[in-house]
PDB file of N, CA and C in Angstrom:
ATOM      1  N   UNK A   1      46.631 -71.111  91.806  1.00  0.00           N
ATOM      2  CA  UNK A   1      47.144 -70.931  93.142  1.00  0.00           C
ATOM      3  C   UNK A   1      48.655 -70.904  93.156  1.00  0.00           C
ATOM      4  N   UNK A   2      49.284 -71.490  92.148  1.00  0.00           N
ATOM      5  CA  UNK A   2      50.744 -71.566  92.184  1.00  0.00           C
ATOM      6  C   UNK A   2      51.392 -70.189  92.203  1.00  0.00           C
ATOM      7  N   UNK A   3      50.735 -69.181  91.596  1.00  0.00           N
ATOM      8  CA  UNK A   3      51.336 -67.840  91.620  1.00  0.00           C
ATOM      9  C   UNK A   3      51.303 -67.231  93.020  1.00  0.00           C
ATOM     10  N   UNK A   4      50.419 -67.733  93.892  1.00  0.00           N
ATOM     11  CA  UNK A   4      50.357 -67.239  95.272  1.00  0.00           C
ATOM     12  C   UNK A   4      51.326 -67.977  96.188  1.00  0.00           C
ATOM     13  N   UNK A   5      51.358 -69.300  96.047  1.00  0.00           N
ATOM     14  CA  UNK A   5      52.140 -70.112  96.981  1.00  0.00           C
ATOM     15  C   UNK A   5      53.433 -70.649  96.373  1.00  0.00           C
ATOM     16  N   UNK A   6      53.531 -70.637  95.062  1.00  0.00           N
ATOM     17  CA  UNK A   6      54.684 -71.163  94.357  1.00  0.00           C
ATOM     18  C   UNK A   6      54.973 -72.616  94.728  1.00  0.00           C
ATOM     19  N   UNK A   7      53.932 -73.354  95.116  1.00  0.00           N
ATOM     20  CA  UNK A   7      54.133 -74.768  95.455  1.00  0.00           C
ATOM     21  C   UNK A   7      52.998 -75.633  94.913  1.00  0.00           C
ATOM     22  N   UNK A   8      52.207 -75.087  93.982  1.00  0.00           N
ATOM     23  CA  UNK A   8      51.091 -75.821  93.405  1.00  0.00           C
ATOM     24  C   UNK A   8      51.255 -75.798  91.903  1.00  0.00           C
ATOM     25  N   UNK A   9      51.120 -76.948  91.273  1.00  0.00           N
ATOM     26  CA  UNK A   9      51.263 -76.984  89.830  1.00  0.00           C
ATOM     27  C   UNK A   9      50.644 -78.230  89.236  1.00  0.00           C
ATOM     28  N   UNK A  10      50.981 -78.533  88.001  1.00  0.00           N
ATOM     29  CA  UNK A  10      50.428 -79.725  87.350  1.00  0.00           C
ATOM     30  C   UNK A  10      50.769 -80.985  88.135  1.00  0.00           C
ATOM     31  N   UNK A  11      49.881 -81.947  88.075  1.00  0.00           N
ATOM     32  CA  UNK A  11      50.099 -83.199  88.802  1.00  0.00           C
ATOM     33  C   UNK A  11      49.172 -83.292  89.987  1.00  0.00           C
ATOM     34  N   UNK A  12      49.639 -83.849  91.063  1.00  0.00           N
ATOM     35  CA  UNK A  12      48.833 -84.022  92.265  1.00  0.00           C
ATOM     36  C   UNK A  12      49.084 -82.892  93.250  1.00  0.00           C
ATOM     37  N   UNK A  13      48.014 -82.267  93.687  1.00  0.00           N
ATOM     38  CA  UNK A  13      48.073 -81.298  94.771  1.00  0.00           C
ATOM     39  C   UNK A  13      47.295 -81.931  95.912  1.00  0.00           C
ATOM     40  N   UNK A  14      47.951 -82.210  97.014  1.00  0.00           N
ATOM     41  CA  UNK A  14      47.378 -83.034  98.071  1.00  0.00           C
ATOM     42  C   UNK A  14      47.193 -82.231  99.351  1.00  0.00           C
ATOM     43  N   UNK A  15      46.032 -82.417  99.981  1.00  0.00           N
ATOM     44  CA  UNK A  15      45.756 -81.841 101.293  1.00  0.00           C
ATOM     45  C   UNK A  15      45.770 -82.983 102.291  1.00  0.00           C
ATOM     46  N   UNK A  16      46.500 -82.834 103.386  1.00  0.00           N
ATOM     47  CA  UNK A  16      46.580 -83.859 104.422  1.00  0.00           C
ATOM     48  C   UNK A  16      45.796 -83.366 105.630  1.00  0.00           C
ATOM     49  N   UNK A  17      44.882 -84.193 106.101  1.00  0.00           N
ATOM     50  CA  UNK A  17      44.085 -83.860 107.275  1.00  0.00           C
ATOM     51  C   UNK A  17      44.601 -84.701 108.427  1.00  0.00           C
ATOM     52  N   UNK A  18      45.027 -84.048 109.505  1.00  0.00           N
ATOM     53  CA  UNK A  18      45.652 -84.797 110.588  1.00  0.00           C
ATOM     54  C   UNK A  18      44.668 -85.337 111.618  1.00  0.00           C
ATOM     55  N   UNK A  19      43.444 -84.865 111.636  1.00  0.00           N
ATOM     56  CA  UNK A  19      42.440 -85.408 112.538  1.00  0.00           C
ATOM     57  C   UNK A  19      42.617 -85.049 114.004  1.00  0.00           C
ATOM     58  N   UNK A  20      43.521 -84.146 114.320  1.00  0.00           N
ATOM     59  CA  UNK A  20      43.715 -83.746 115.705  1.00  0.00           C
ATOM     60  C   UNK A  20      42.609 -82.795 116.143  1.00  0.00           C
ATOM     61  N   UNK A  21      42.266 -82.853 117.409  1.00  0.00           N
ATOM     62  CA  UNK A  21      41.255 -81.966 117.963  1.00  0.00           C
ATOM     63  C   UNK A  21      41.826 -80.561 118.074  1.00  0.00           C
ATOM     64  N   UNK A  22      41.105 -79.580 117.552  1.00  0.00           N
ATOM     65  CA  UNK A  22      41.511 -78.193 117.735  1.00  0.00           C
ATOM     66  C   UNK A  22      40.315 -77.404 118.249  1.00  0.00           C
ATOM     67  N   UNK A  23      40.595 -76.338 118.931  1.00  0.00           N
ATOM     68  CA  UNK A  23      39.550 -75.533 119.564  1.00  0.00           C
ATOM     69  C   UNK A  23      38.943 -74.553 118.558  1.00  0.00           C
ATOM     70  N   UNK A  24      37.716 -74.032 118.849  1.00  0.00           N
ATOM     71  CA  UNK A  24      37.159 -72.976 117.991  1.00  0.00           C
ATOM     72  C   UNK A  24      38.084 -71.768 117.873  1.00  0.00           C
ATOM     73  N   UNK A  25      38.819 -71.462 118.932  1.00  0.00           N
ATOM     74  CA  UNK A  25      39.747 -70.327 118.886  1.00  0.00           C
ATOM     75  C   UNK A  25      40.857 -70.580 117.876  1.00  0.00           C
ATOM     76  N   UNK A  26      41.359 -71.818 117.826  1.00  0.00           N
ATOM     77  CA  UNK A  26      42.409 -72.163 116.860  1.00  0.00           C
ATOM     78  C   UNK A  26      41.869 -72.140 115.433  1.00  0.00           C
ATOM     79  N   UNK A  27      40.623 -72.588 115.250  1.00  0.00           N
ATOM     80  CA  UNK A  27      40.002 -72.533 113.926  1.00  0.00           C
ATOM     81  C   UNK A  27      39.866 -71.083 113.484  1.00  0.00           C
ATOM     82  N   UNK A  28      39.379 -70.228 114.375  1.00  0.00           N
ATOM     83  CA  UNK A  28      39.210 -68.815 114.042  1.00  0.00           C
ATOM     84  C   UNK A  28      40.541 -68.167 113.688  1.00  0.00           C
ATOM     85  N   UNK A  29      41.576 -68.460 114.446  1.00  0.00           N
ATOM     86  CA  UNK A  29      42.891 -67.896 114.164  1.00  0.00           C
ATOM     87  C   UNK A  29      43.347 -68.301 112.763  1.00  0.00           C
ATOM     88  N   UNK A  30      43.123 -69.564 112.404  1.00  0.00           N
ATOM     89  CA  UNK A  30      43.496 -70.041 111.069  1.00  0.00           C
ATOM     90  C   UNK A  30      42.675 -69.327 109.995  1.00  0.00           C
ATOM     91  N   UNK A  31      41.357 -69.263 110.174  1.00  0.00           N
ATOM     92  CA  UNK A  31      40.486 -68.636 109.176  1.00  0.00           C
ATOM     93  C   UNK A  31      40.812 -67.166 108.962  1.00  0.00           C
ATOM     94  N   UNK A  32      41.143 -66.473 110.031  1.00  0.00           N
ATOM     95  CA  UNK A  32      41.450 -65.049 109.930  1.00  0.00           C
ATOM     96  C   UNK A  32      42.749 -64.771 109.185  1.00  0.00           C
ATOM     97  N   UNK A  33      43.634 -65.758 109.101  1.00  0.00           N
ATOM     98  CA  UNK A  33      44.913 -65.573 108.419  1.00  0.00           C
ATOM     99  C   UNK A  33      44.845 -65.856 106.925  1.00  0.00           C
ATOM    100  N   UNK A  34      43.715 -66.357 106.432  1.00  0.00           N
ATOM    101  CA  UNK A  34      43.583 -66.662 105.006  1.00  0.00           C
ATOM    102  C   UNK A  34      43.534 -65.348 104.227  1.00  0.00           C
ATOM    103  N   UNK A  35      44.431 -65.215 103.281  1.00  0.00           N
ATOM    104  CA  UNK A  35      44.555 -63.972 102.529  1.00  0.00           C
ATOM    105  C   UNK A  35      43.469 -63.878 101.458  1.00  0.00           C
ATOM    106  N   UNK A  36      42.984 -62.660 101.182  1.00  0.00           N
ATOM    107  CA  UNK A  36      41.999 -62.468 100.112  1.00  0.00           C
ATOM    108  C   UNK A  36      42.517 -63.048  98.796  1.00  0.00           C
ATOM    109  N   UNK A  37      41.611 -63.680  98.068  1.00  0.00           N
ATOM    110  CA  UNK A  37      41.969 -64.305  96.798  1.00  0.00           C
ATOM    111  C   UNK A  37      42.302 -65.775  96.919  1.00  0.00           C
ATOM    112  N   UNK A  38      42.559 -66.252  98.134  1.00  0.00           N
ATOM    113  CA  UNK A  38      42.906 -67.649  98.358  1.00  0.00           C
ATOM    114  C   UNK A  38      41.679 -68.538  98.185  1.00  0.00           C
ATOM    115  N   UNK A  39      41.817 -69.619  97.435  1.00  0.00           N
ATOM    116  CA  UNK A  39      40.728 -70.576  97.267  1.00  0.00           C
ATOM    117  C   UNK A  39      40.704 -71.485  98.485  1.00  0.00           C
ATOM    118  N   UNK A  40      39.508 -71.689  99.036  1.00  0.00           N
ATOM    119  CA  UNK A  40      39.324 -72.467 100.261  1.00  0.00           C
ATOM    120  C   UNK A  40      38.355 -73.611  99.976  1.00  0.00           C
ATOM    121  N   UNK A  41      38.737 -74.839 100.342  1.00  0.00           N
ATOM    122  CA  UNK A  41      37.892 -76.017 100.203  1.00  0.00           C
ATOM    123  C   UNK A  41      37.529 -76.508 101.587  1.00  0.00           C
ATOM    124  N   UNK A  42      36.232 -76.756 101.843  1.00  0.00           N
ATOM    125  CA  UNK A  42      35.764 -77.172 103.160  1.00  0.00           C
ATOM    126  C   UNK A  42      34.771 -78.311 102.999  1.00  0.00           C
ATOM    127  N   UNK A  43      34.882 -79.315 103.849  1.00  0.00           N
ATOM    128  CA  UNK A  43      33.888 -80.395 103.913  1.00  0.00           C
ATOM    129  C   UNK A  43      33.608 -80.683 105.375  1.00  0.00           C
ATOM    130  N   UNK A  44      32.344 -80.801 105.714  1.00  0.00           N
ATOM    131  CA  UNK A  44      31.996 -81.105 107.101  1.00  0.00           C
ATOM    132  C   UNK A  44      32.238 -82.576 107.382  1.00  0.00           C
ATOM    133  N   UNK A  45      32.478 -82.892 108.655  1.00  0.00           N
ATOM    134  CA  UNK A  45      32.642 -84.277 109.095  1.00  0.00           C
ATOM    135  C   UNK A  45      31.967 -84.415 110.451  1.00  0.00           C
ATOM    136  N   UNK A  46      31.094 -85.387 110.575  1.00  0.00           N
ATOM    137  CA  UNK A  46      30.325 -85.647 111.786  1.00  0.00           C
ATOM    138  C   UNK A  46      29.445 -84.451 112.095  1.00  0.00           C
ATOM    139  N   UNK A  47      29.848 -83.581 112.993  1.00  0.00           N
ATOM    140  CA  UNK A  47      28.984 -82.459 113.351  1.00  0.00           C
ATOM    141  C   UNK A  47      29.748 -81.155 113.280  1.00  0.00           C
ATOM    142  N   UNK A  48      29.583 -80.443 112.194  1.00  0.00           N
ATOM    143  CA  UNK A  48      30.273 -79.174 111.994  1.00  0.00           C
ATOM    144  C   UNK A  48      29.787 -78.102 112.972  1.00  0.00           C
ATOM    145  N   UNK A  49      28.567 -78.228 113.463  1.00  0.00           N
ATOM    146  CA  UNK A  49      28.010 -77.181 114.322  1.00  0.00           C
ATOM    147  C   UNK A  49      28.595 -77.180 115.731  1.00  0.00           C
ATOM    148  N   UNK A  50      29.266 -78.243 116.124  1.00  0.00           N
ATOM    149  CA  UNK A  50      29.834 -78.307 117.473  1.00  0.00           C
ATOM    150  C   UNK A  50      30.853 -77.193 117.706  1.00  0.00           C
ATOM    151  N   UNK A  51      31.543 -76.759 116.650  1.00  0.00           N
ATOM    152  CA  UNK A  51      32.553 -75.713 116.784  1.00  0.00           C
ATOM    153  C   UNK A  51      32.209 -74.455 115.997  1.00  0.00           C
ATOM    154  N   UNK A  52      31.101 -74.471 115.267  1.00  0.00           N
ATOM    155  CA  UNK A  52      30.759 -73.358 114.393  1.00  0.00           C
ATOM    156  C   UNK A  52      30.170 -72.188 115.184  1.00  0.00           C
ATOM    157  N   UNK A  53      30.826 -71.058 115.112  1.00  0.00           N
ATOM    158  CA  UNK A  53      30.336 -69.850 115.778  1.00  0.00           C
ATOM    159  C   UNK A  53      29.736 -68.916 114.724  1.00  0.00           C
ATOM    160  N   UNK A  54      29.022 -67.913 115.169  1.00  0.00           N
ATOM    161  CA  UNK A  54      28.465 -66.908 114.268  1.00  0.00           C
ATOM    162  C   UNK A  54      29.584 -66.229 113.485  1.00  0.00           C
ATOM    163  N   UNK A  55      30.680 -65.946 114.168  1.00  0.00           N
ATOM    164  CA  UNK A  55      31.815 -65.291 113.507  1.00  0.00           C
ATOM    165  C   UNK A  55      32.400 -66.168 112.409  1.00  0.00           C
ATOM    166  N   UNK A  56      32.500 -67.484 112.652  1.00  0.00           N
ATOM    167  CA  UNK A  56      32.986 -68.402 111.622  1.00  0.00           C
ATOM    168  C   UNK A  56      32.050 -68.421 110.423  1.00  0.00           C
ATOM    169  N   UNK A  57      30.748 -68.469 110.703  1.00  0.00           N
ATOM    170  CA  UNK A  57      29.770 -68.459 109.609  1.00  0.00           C
ATOM    171  C   UNK A  57      29.932 -67.190 108.772  1.00  0.00           C
ATOM    172  N   UNK A  58      30.164 -66.050 109.415  1.00  0.00           N
ATOM    173  CA  UNK A  58      30.354 -64.794 108.688  1.00  0.00           C
ATOM    174  C   UNK A  58      31.596 -64.852 107.798  1.00  0.00           C
ATOM    175  N   UNK A  59      32.640 -65.498 108.273  1.00  0.00           N
ATOM    176  CA  UNK A  59      33.850 -65.647 107.451  1.00  0.00           C
ATOM    177  C   UNK A  59      33.544 -66.471 106.205  1.00  0.00           C
ATOM    178  N   UNK A  60      32.794 -67.572 106.369  1.00  0.00           N
ATOM    179  CA  UNK A  60      32.442 -68.386 105.200  1.00  0.00           C
ATOM    180  C   UNK A  60      31.516 -67.636 104.247  1.00  0.00           C
ATOM    181  N   UNK A  61      30.624 -66.825 104.782  1.00  0.00           N
ATOM    182  CA  UNK A  61      29.781 -65.982 103.932  1.00  0.00           C
ATOM    183  C   UNK A  61      30.669 -65.026 103.134  1.00  0.00           C
ATOM    184  N   UNK A  62      31.701 -64.509 103.779  1.00  0.00           N
ATOM    185  CA  UNK A  62      32.654 -63.633 103.101  1.00  0.00           C
ATOM    186  C   UNK A  62      33.485 -64.338 102.049  1.00  0.00           C
ATOM    187  N   UNK A  63      33.459 -65.651 102.052  1.00  0.00           N
ATOM    188  CA  UNK A  63      34.139 -66.447 101.031  1.00  0.00           C
ATOM    189  C   UNK A  63      33.174 -66.897  99.931  1.00  0.00           C
ATOM    190  N   UNK A  64      31.908 -66.506 100.054  1.00  0.00           N
ATOM    191  CA  UNK A  64      30.931 -66.831  99.021  1.00  0.00           C
ATOM    192  C   UNK A  64      29.866 -67.830  99.409  1.00  0.00           C
ATOM    193  N   UNK A  65      29.843 -68.293 100.647  1.00  0.00           N
ATOM    194  CA  UNK A  65      28.840 -69.271 101.072  1.00  0.00           C
ATOM    195  C   UNK A  65      27.462 -68.631 101.187  1.00  0.00           C
ATOM    196  N   UNK A  66      26.470 -69.337 100.673  1.00  0.00           N
ATOM    197  CA  UNK A  66      25.085 -68.912 100.863  1.00  0.00           C
ATOM    198  C   UNK A  66      24.314 -69.922 101.703  1.00  0.00           C
ATOM    199  N   UNK A  67      24.934 -71.061 101.999  1.00  0.00           N
ATOM    200  CA  UNK A  67      24.242 -72.141 102.707  1.00  0.00           C
ATOM    201  C   UNK A  67      24.682 -72.324 104.152  1.00  0.00           C
ATOM    202  N   UNK A  68      25.781 -71.716 104.574  1.00  0.00           N
ATOM    203  CA  UNK A  68      26.344 -71.996 105.890  1.00  0.00           C
ATOM    204  C   UNK A  68      25.371 -71.716 107.029  1.00  0.00           C
ATOM    205  N   UNK A  69      24.514 -70.731 106.899  1.00  0.00           N
ATOM    206  CA  UNK A  69      23.562 -70.457 107.975  1.00  0.00           C
ATOM    207  C   UNK A  69      22.446 -71.491 108.055  1.00  0.00           C
ATOM    208  N   UNK A  70      22.323 -72.336 107.051  1.00  0.00           N
ATOM    209  CA  UNK A  70      21.318 -73.409 107.055  1.00  0.00           C
ATOM    210  C   UNK A  70      21.860 -74.712 107.619  1.00  0.00           C
ATOM    211  N   UNK A  71      23.176 -74.821 107.790  1.00  0.00           N
ATOM    212  CA  UNK A  71      23.796 -76.074 108.244  1.00  0.00           C
ATOM    213  C   UNK A  71      23.489 -76.292 109.725  1.00  0.00           C
ATOM    214  N   UNK A  72      22.912 -77.440 110.024  1.00  0.00           N
ATOM    215  CA  UNK A  72      22.513 -77.807 111.391  1.00  0.00           C
ATOM    216  C   UNK A  72      23.238 -79.083 111.817  1.00  0.00           C
ATOM    217  N   UNK A  73      22.892 -79.567 113.006  1.00  0.00           N
ATOM    218  CA  UNK A  73      23.505 -80.748 113.609  1.00  0.00           C
ATOM    219  C   UNK A  73      23.558 -81.933 112.631  1.00  0.00           C
ATOM    220  N   UNK A  74      24.746 -82.431 112.389  1.00  0.00           N
ATOM    221  CA  UNK A  74      25.036 -83.592 111.545  1.00  0.00           C
ATOM    222  C   UNK A  74      24.623 -83.463 110.088  1.00  0.00           C
ATOM    223  N   UNK A  75      24.397 -82.258 109.612  1.00  0.00           N
ATOM    224  CA  UNK A  75      24.186 -82.050 108.182  1.00  0.00           C
ATOM    225  C   UNK A  75      25.506 -82.247 107.450  1.00  0.00           C
ATOM    226  N   UNK A  76      25.422 -82.543 106.167  1.00  0.00           N
ATOM    227  CA  UNK A  76      26.603 -82.573 105.318  1.00  0.00           C
ATOM    228  C   UNK A  76      26.738 -81.229 104.607  1.00  0.00           C
ATOM    229  N   UNK A  77      27.973 -80.743 104.452  1.00  0.00           N
ATOM    230  CA  UNK A  77      28.210 -79.472 103.773  1.00  0.00           C
ATOM    231  C   UNK A  77      29.566 -79.518 103.092  1.00  0.00           C
ATOM    232  N   UNK A  78      29.599 -79.199 101.810  1.00  0.00           N
ATOM    233  CA  UNK A  78      30.862 -79.052 101.085  1.00  0.00           C
ATOM    234  C   UNK A  78      30.860 -77.683 100.428  1.00  0.00           C
ATOM    235  N   UNK A  79      32.043 -77.098 100.343  1.00  0.00           N
ATOM    236  CA  UNK A  79      32.148 -75.706  99.921  1.00  0.00           C
ATOM    237  C   UNK A  79      33.512 -75.433  99.324  1.00  0.00           C
ATOM    238  N   UNK A  80      33.517 -74.745  98.200  1.00  0.00           N
ATOM    239  CA  UNK A  80      34.747 -74.192  97.641  1.00  0.00           C
ATOM    240  C   UNK A  80      34.463 -72.724  97.409  1.00  0.00           C
ATOM    241  N   UNK A  81      35.224 -71.881  98.049  1.00  0.00           N
ATOM    242  CA  UNK A  81      35.031 -70.443  97.921  1.00  0.00           C
ATOM    243  C   UNK A  81      36.360 -69.726  97.819  1.00  0.00           C
ATOM    244  N   UNK A  82      36.280 -68.420  97.797  1.00  0.00           N
ATOM    245  CA  UNK A  82      37.484 -67.605  97.695  1.00  0.00           C
ATOM    246  C   UNK A  82      37.427 -66.531  98.763  1.00  0.00           C
ATOM    247  N   UNK A  83      38.458 -66.449  99.555  1.00  0.00           N
ATOM    248  CA  UNK A  83      38.518 -65.422 100.592  1.00  0.00           C
ATOM    249  C   UNK A  83      38.389 -64.050  99.954  1.00  0.00           C
ATOM    250  N   UNK A  84      37.523 -63.221 100.528  1.00  0.00           N
ATOM    251  CA  UNK A  84      37.297 -61.889  99.998  1.00  0.00           C
ATOM    252  C   UNK A  84      36.346 -61.852  98.812  1.00  0.00           C
ATOM    253  N   UNK A  85      35.575 -62.918  98.604  1.00  0.00           N
ATOM    254  CA  UNK A  85      34.635 -62.960  97.473  1.00  0.00           C
ATOM    255  C   UNK A  85      33.553 -61.904  97.636  1.00  0.00           C
ATOM    256  N   UNK A  86      33.117 -61.351  96.520  1.00  0.00           N
ATOM    257  CA  UNK A  86      32.045 -60.364  96.555  1.00  0.00           C
ATOM    258  C   UNK A  86      30.697 -60.983  96.208  1.00  0.00           C
ATOM    259  N   UNK A  87      30.704 -62.158  95.608  1.00  0.00           N
ATOM    260  CA  UNK A  87      29.470 -62.836  95.203  1.00  0.00           C
ATOM    261  C   UNK A  87      29.472 -64.264  95.726  1.00  0.00           C
ATOM    262  N   UNK A  88      28.347 -64.936  95.577  1.00  0.00           N
ATOM    263  CA  UNK A  88      28.250 -66.315  96.044  1.00  0.00           C
ATOM    264  C   UNK A  88      29.015 -67.260  95.123  1.00  0.00           C
ATOM    265  N   UNK A  89      29.486 -68.347  95.702  1.00  0.00           N
ATOM    266  CA  UNK A  89      30.197 -69.363  94.940  1.00  0.00           C
ATOM    267  C   UNK A  89      29.196 -70.295  94.270  1.00  0.00           C
ATOM    268  N   UNK A  90      29.604 -70.897  93.185  1.00  0.00           N
ATOM    269  CA  UNK A  90      28.784 -71.896  92.506  1.00  0.00           C
ATOM    270  C   UNK A  90      29.083 -73.300  93.037  1.00  0.00           C
ATOM    271  N   UNK A  91      30.095 -73.424  93.889  1.00  0.00           N
ATOM    272  CA  UNK A  91      30.577 -74.722  94.354  1.00  0.00           C
ATOM    273  C   UNK A  91      30.250 -74.931  95.832  1.00  0.00           C
ATOM    274  N   UNK A  92      28.989 -75.177  96.130  1.00  0.00           N
ATOM    275  CA  UNK A  92      28.561 -75.399  97.513  1.00  0.00           C
ATOM    276  C   UNK A  92      27.307 -76.269  97.504  1.00  0.00           C
ATOM    277  N   UNK A  93      27.285 -77.268  98.399  1.00  0.00           N
ATOM    278  CA  UNK A  93      26.106 -78.122  98.538  1.00  0.00           C
ATOM    279  C   UNK A  93      25.874 -78.437 100.008  1.00  0.00           C
ATOM    280  N   UNK A  94      24.617 -78.728 100.325  1.00  0.00           N
ATOM    281  CA  UNK A  94      24.191 -78.982 101.697  1.00  0.00           C
ATOM    282  C   UNK A  94      23.245 -80.175 101.695  1.00  0.00           C
ATOM    283  N   UNK A  95      23.502 -81.160 102.546  1.00  0.00           N
ATOM    284  CA  UNK A  95      22.601 -82.306 102.723  1.00  0.00           C
ATOM    285  C   UNK A  95      22.058 -82.262 104.142  1.00  0.00           C
ATOM    286  N   UNK A  96      20.749 -82.178 104.262  1.00  0.00           N
ATOM    287  CA  UNK A  96      20.097 -82.043 105.558  1.00  0.00           C
ATOM    288  C   UNK A  96      20.026 -83.394 106.266  1.00  0.00           C
ATOM    289  N   UNK A  97      20.378 -83.404 107.551  1.00  0.00           N
ATOM    290  CA  UNK A  97      20.260 -84.589 108.386  1.00  0.00           C
ATOM    291  C   UNK A  97      18.783 -84.756 108.741  1.00  0.00           C
ATOM    292  N   UNK A  98      18.142 -85.772 108.168  1.00  0.00           N
ATOM    293  CA  UNK A  98      16.721 -86.027 108.387  1.00  0.00           C
ATOM    294  C   UNK A  98      16.531 -87.533 108.497  1.00  0.00           C
ATOM    295  N   UNK A  99      16.219 -88.003 109.703  1.00  0.00           N
ATOM    296  CA  UNK A  99      16.130 -89.442 109.946  1.00  0.00           C
ATOM    297  C   UNK A  99      15.201 -90.165 108.979  1.00  0.00           C
ATOM    298  N   UNK A 100      14.189 -89.492 108.450  1.00  0.00           N
ATOM    299  CA  UNK A 100      13.270 -90.151 107.520  1.00  0.00           C
ATOM    300  C   UNK A 100      13.866 -90.304 106.125  1.00  0.00           C
ATOM    301  N   UNK A 101      14.909 -89.511 105.804  1.00  0.00           N
ATOM    302  CA  UNK A 101      15.518 -89.566 104.473  1.00  0.00           C
ATOM    303  C   UNK A 101      16.990 -89.962 104.469  1.00  0.00           C
ATOM    304  N   UNK A 102      17.629 -90.074 105.634  1.00  0.00           N
ATOM    305  CA  UNK A 102      19.046 -90.438 105.678  1.00  0.00           C
ATOM    306  C   UNK A 102      19.244 -91.827 105.082  1.00  0.00           C
ATOM    307  N   UNK A 103      20.364 -91.999 104.385  1.00  0.00           N
ATOM    308  CA  UNK A 103      20.595 -93.295 103.737  1.00  0.00           C
ATOM    309  C   UNK A 103      21.799 -94.059 104.282  1.00  0.00           C
ATOM    310  N   UNK A 104      22.639 -93.425 105.077  1.00  0.00           N
ATOM    311  CA  UNK A 104      23.840 -94.083 105.607  1.00  0.00           C
ATOM    312  C   UNK A 104      23.735 -94.275 107.113  1.00  0.00           C
ATOM    313  N   UNK A 105      22.925 -95.217 107.556  1.00  0.00           N
ATOM    314  CA  UNK A 105      22.780 -95.544 108.981  1.00  0.00           C
ATOM    315  C   UNK A 105      22.629 -94.282 109.845  1.00  0.00           C
ATOM    316  N   UNK A 106      21.682 -93.452 109.505  1.00  0.00           N
ATOM    317  CA  UNK A 106      21.436 -92.243 110.280  1.00  0.00           C
ATOM    318  C   UNK A 106      22.175 -91.016 109.806  1.00  0.00           C
ATOM    319  N   UNK A 107      22.848 -91.107 108.678  1.00  0.00           N
ATOM    320  CA  UNK A 107      23.597 -89.973 108.135  1.00  0.00           C
ATOM    321  C   UNK A 107      23.002 -89.561 106.791  1.00  0.00           C
ATOM    322  N   UNK A 108      23.084 -88.276 106.456  1.00  0.00           N
ATOM    323  CA  UNK A 108      22.552 -87.804 105.176  1.00  0.00           C
ATOM    324  C   UNK A 108      23.315 -88.397 103.988  1.00  0.00           C
ATOM    325  N   UNK A 109      22.711 -88.240 102.834  1.00  0.00           N
ATOM    326  CA  UNK A 109      23.336 -88.711 101.596  1.00  0.00           C
ATOM    327  C   UNK A 109      24.689 -88.036 101.374  1.00  0.00           C
ATOM    328  N   UNK A 110      25.511 -88.638 100.549  1.00  0.00           N
ATOM    329  CA  UNK A 110      26.807 -88.070 100.204  1.00  0.00           C
ATOM    330  C   UNK A 110      26.606 -86.870  99.281  1.00  0.00           C
ATOM    331  N   UNK A 111      27.397 -85.864  99.470  1.00  0.00           N
ATOM    332  CA  UNK A 111      27.368 -84.701  98.583  1.00  0.00           C
ATOM    333  C   UNK A 111      28.780 -84.410  98.115  1.00  0.00           C
ATOM    334  N   UNK A 112      28.879 -83.819  96.952  1.00  0.00           N
ATOM    335  CA  UNK A 112      30.188 -83.469  96.429  1.00  0.00           C
ATOM    336  C   UNK A 112      30.058 -82.315  95.448  1.00  0.00           C
ATOM    337  N   UNK A 113      31.138 -81.615  95.277  1.00  0.00           N
ATOM    338  CA  UNK A 113      31.247 -80.617  94.225  1.00  0.00           C
ATOM    339  C   UNK A 113      32.418 -81.041  93.363  1.00  0.00           C
ATOM    340  N   UNK A 114      32.306 -80.806  92.091  1.00  0.00           N
ATOM    341  CA  UNK A 114      33.356 -81.236  91.173  1.00  0.00           C
ATOM    342  C   UNK A 114      33.471 -80.245  90.032  1.00  0.00           C
ATOM    343  N   UNK A 115      34.586 -80.291  89.386  1.00  0.00           N
ATOM    344  CA  UNK A 115      34.795 -79.456  88.220  1.00  0.00           C
ATOM    345  C   UNK A 115      36.139 -78.778  88.259  1.00  0.00           C
ATOM    346  N   UNK A 116      36.383 -78.003  87.267  1.00  0.00           N
ATOM    347  CA  UNK A 116      37.602 -77.205  87.208  1.00  0.00           C
ATOM    348  C   UNK A 116      37.284 -75.874  87.869  1.00  0.00           C
ATOM    349  N   UNK A 117      37.976 -75.573  88.913  1.00  0.00           N
ATOM    350  CA  UNK A 117      37.710 -74.371  89.680  1.00  0.00           C
ATOM    351  C   UNK A 117      38.513 -73.211  89.096  1.00  0.00           C
ATOM    352  N   UNK A 118      37.811 -72.194  88.608  1.00  0.00           N
ATOM    353  CA  UNK A 118      38.511 -71.037  88.044  1.00  0.00           C
ATOM    354  C   UNK A 118      39.145 -70.195  89.150  1.00  0.00           C
ATOM    355  N   UNK A 119      40.052 -69.322  88.776  1.00  0.00           N
ATOM    356  CA  UNK A 119      40.683 -68.444  89.754  1.00  0.00           C
ATOM    357  C   UNK A 119      39.644 -67.570  90.455  1.00  0.00           C
ATOM    358  N   UNK A 120      38.591 -67.184  89.743  1.00  0.00           N
ATOM    359  CA  UNK A 120      37.503 -66.407  90.316  1.00  0.00           C
ATOM    360  C   UNK A 120      36.297 -67.327  90.414  1.00  0.00           C
ATOM    361  N   UNK A 121      35.823 -67.592  91.624  1.00  0.00           N
ATOM    362  CA  UNK A 121      34.767 -68.572  91.851  1.00  0.00           C
ATOM    363  C   UNK A 121      33.397 -67.959  92.010  1.00  0.00           C
ATOM    364  N   UNK A 122      33.190 -66.780  91.543  1.00  0.00           N
ATOM    365  CA  UNK A 122      31.907 -66.102  91.775  1.00  0.00           C
ATOM    366  C   UNK A 122      31.023 -66.114  90.553  1.00  0.00           C
ATOM    367  N   UNK A 123      29.735 -65.876  90.795  1.00  0.00           N
ATOM    368  CA  UNK A 123      28.778 -65.739  89.706  1.00  0.00           C
ATOM    369  C   UNK A 123      28.999 -64.389  89.049  1.00  0.00           C
ATOM    370  N   UNK A 124      28.652 -64.319  87.776  1.00  0.00           N
ATOM    371  CA  UNK A 124      28.680 -63.029  87.063  1.00  0.00           C
ATOM    372  C   UNK A 124      29.988 -62.450  87.037  1.00  0.00           C
TER     373      UNK A 124
END
């Protein structure tokens, strides 16, 4: 990523989440500005579906998501994709919110993706 932004390199690369409320329109504006080739990391918190529109789901599909259309109320979802991807990403997981199987006081199990993310995140 450093060749794109010239601000990422060895050591710690940190993302700060401010927790402020933003509208679906603001989310869409942000998503639409992501340039092709950019690596995108996403993790759901509480209820991702409250702001998720069909158009947003299509953008994530365009980044390589194959699970976003399965994400429902209070499900867990983590995703690493690439804007403009032609194939599905290998770095995506989904935990279904199911009261009979939830382990964290009504919340699904923890999910994570890990590894060294290559510049190209697609299969084949």
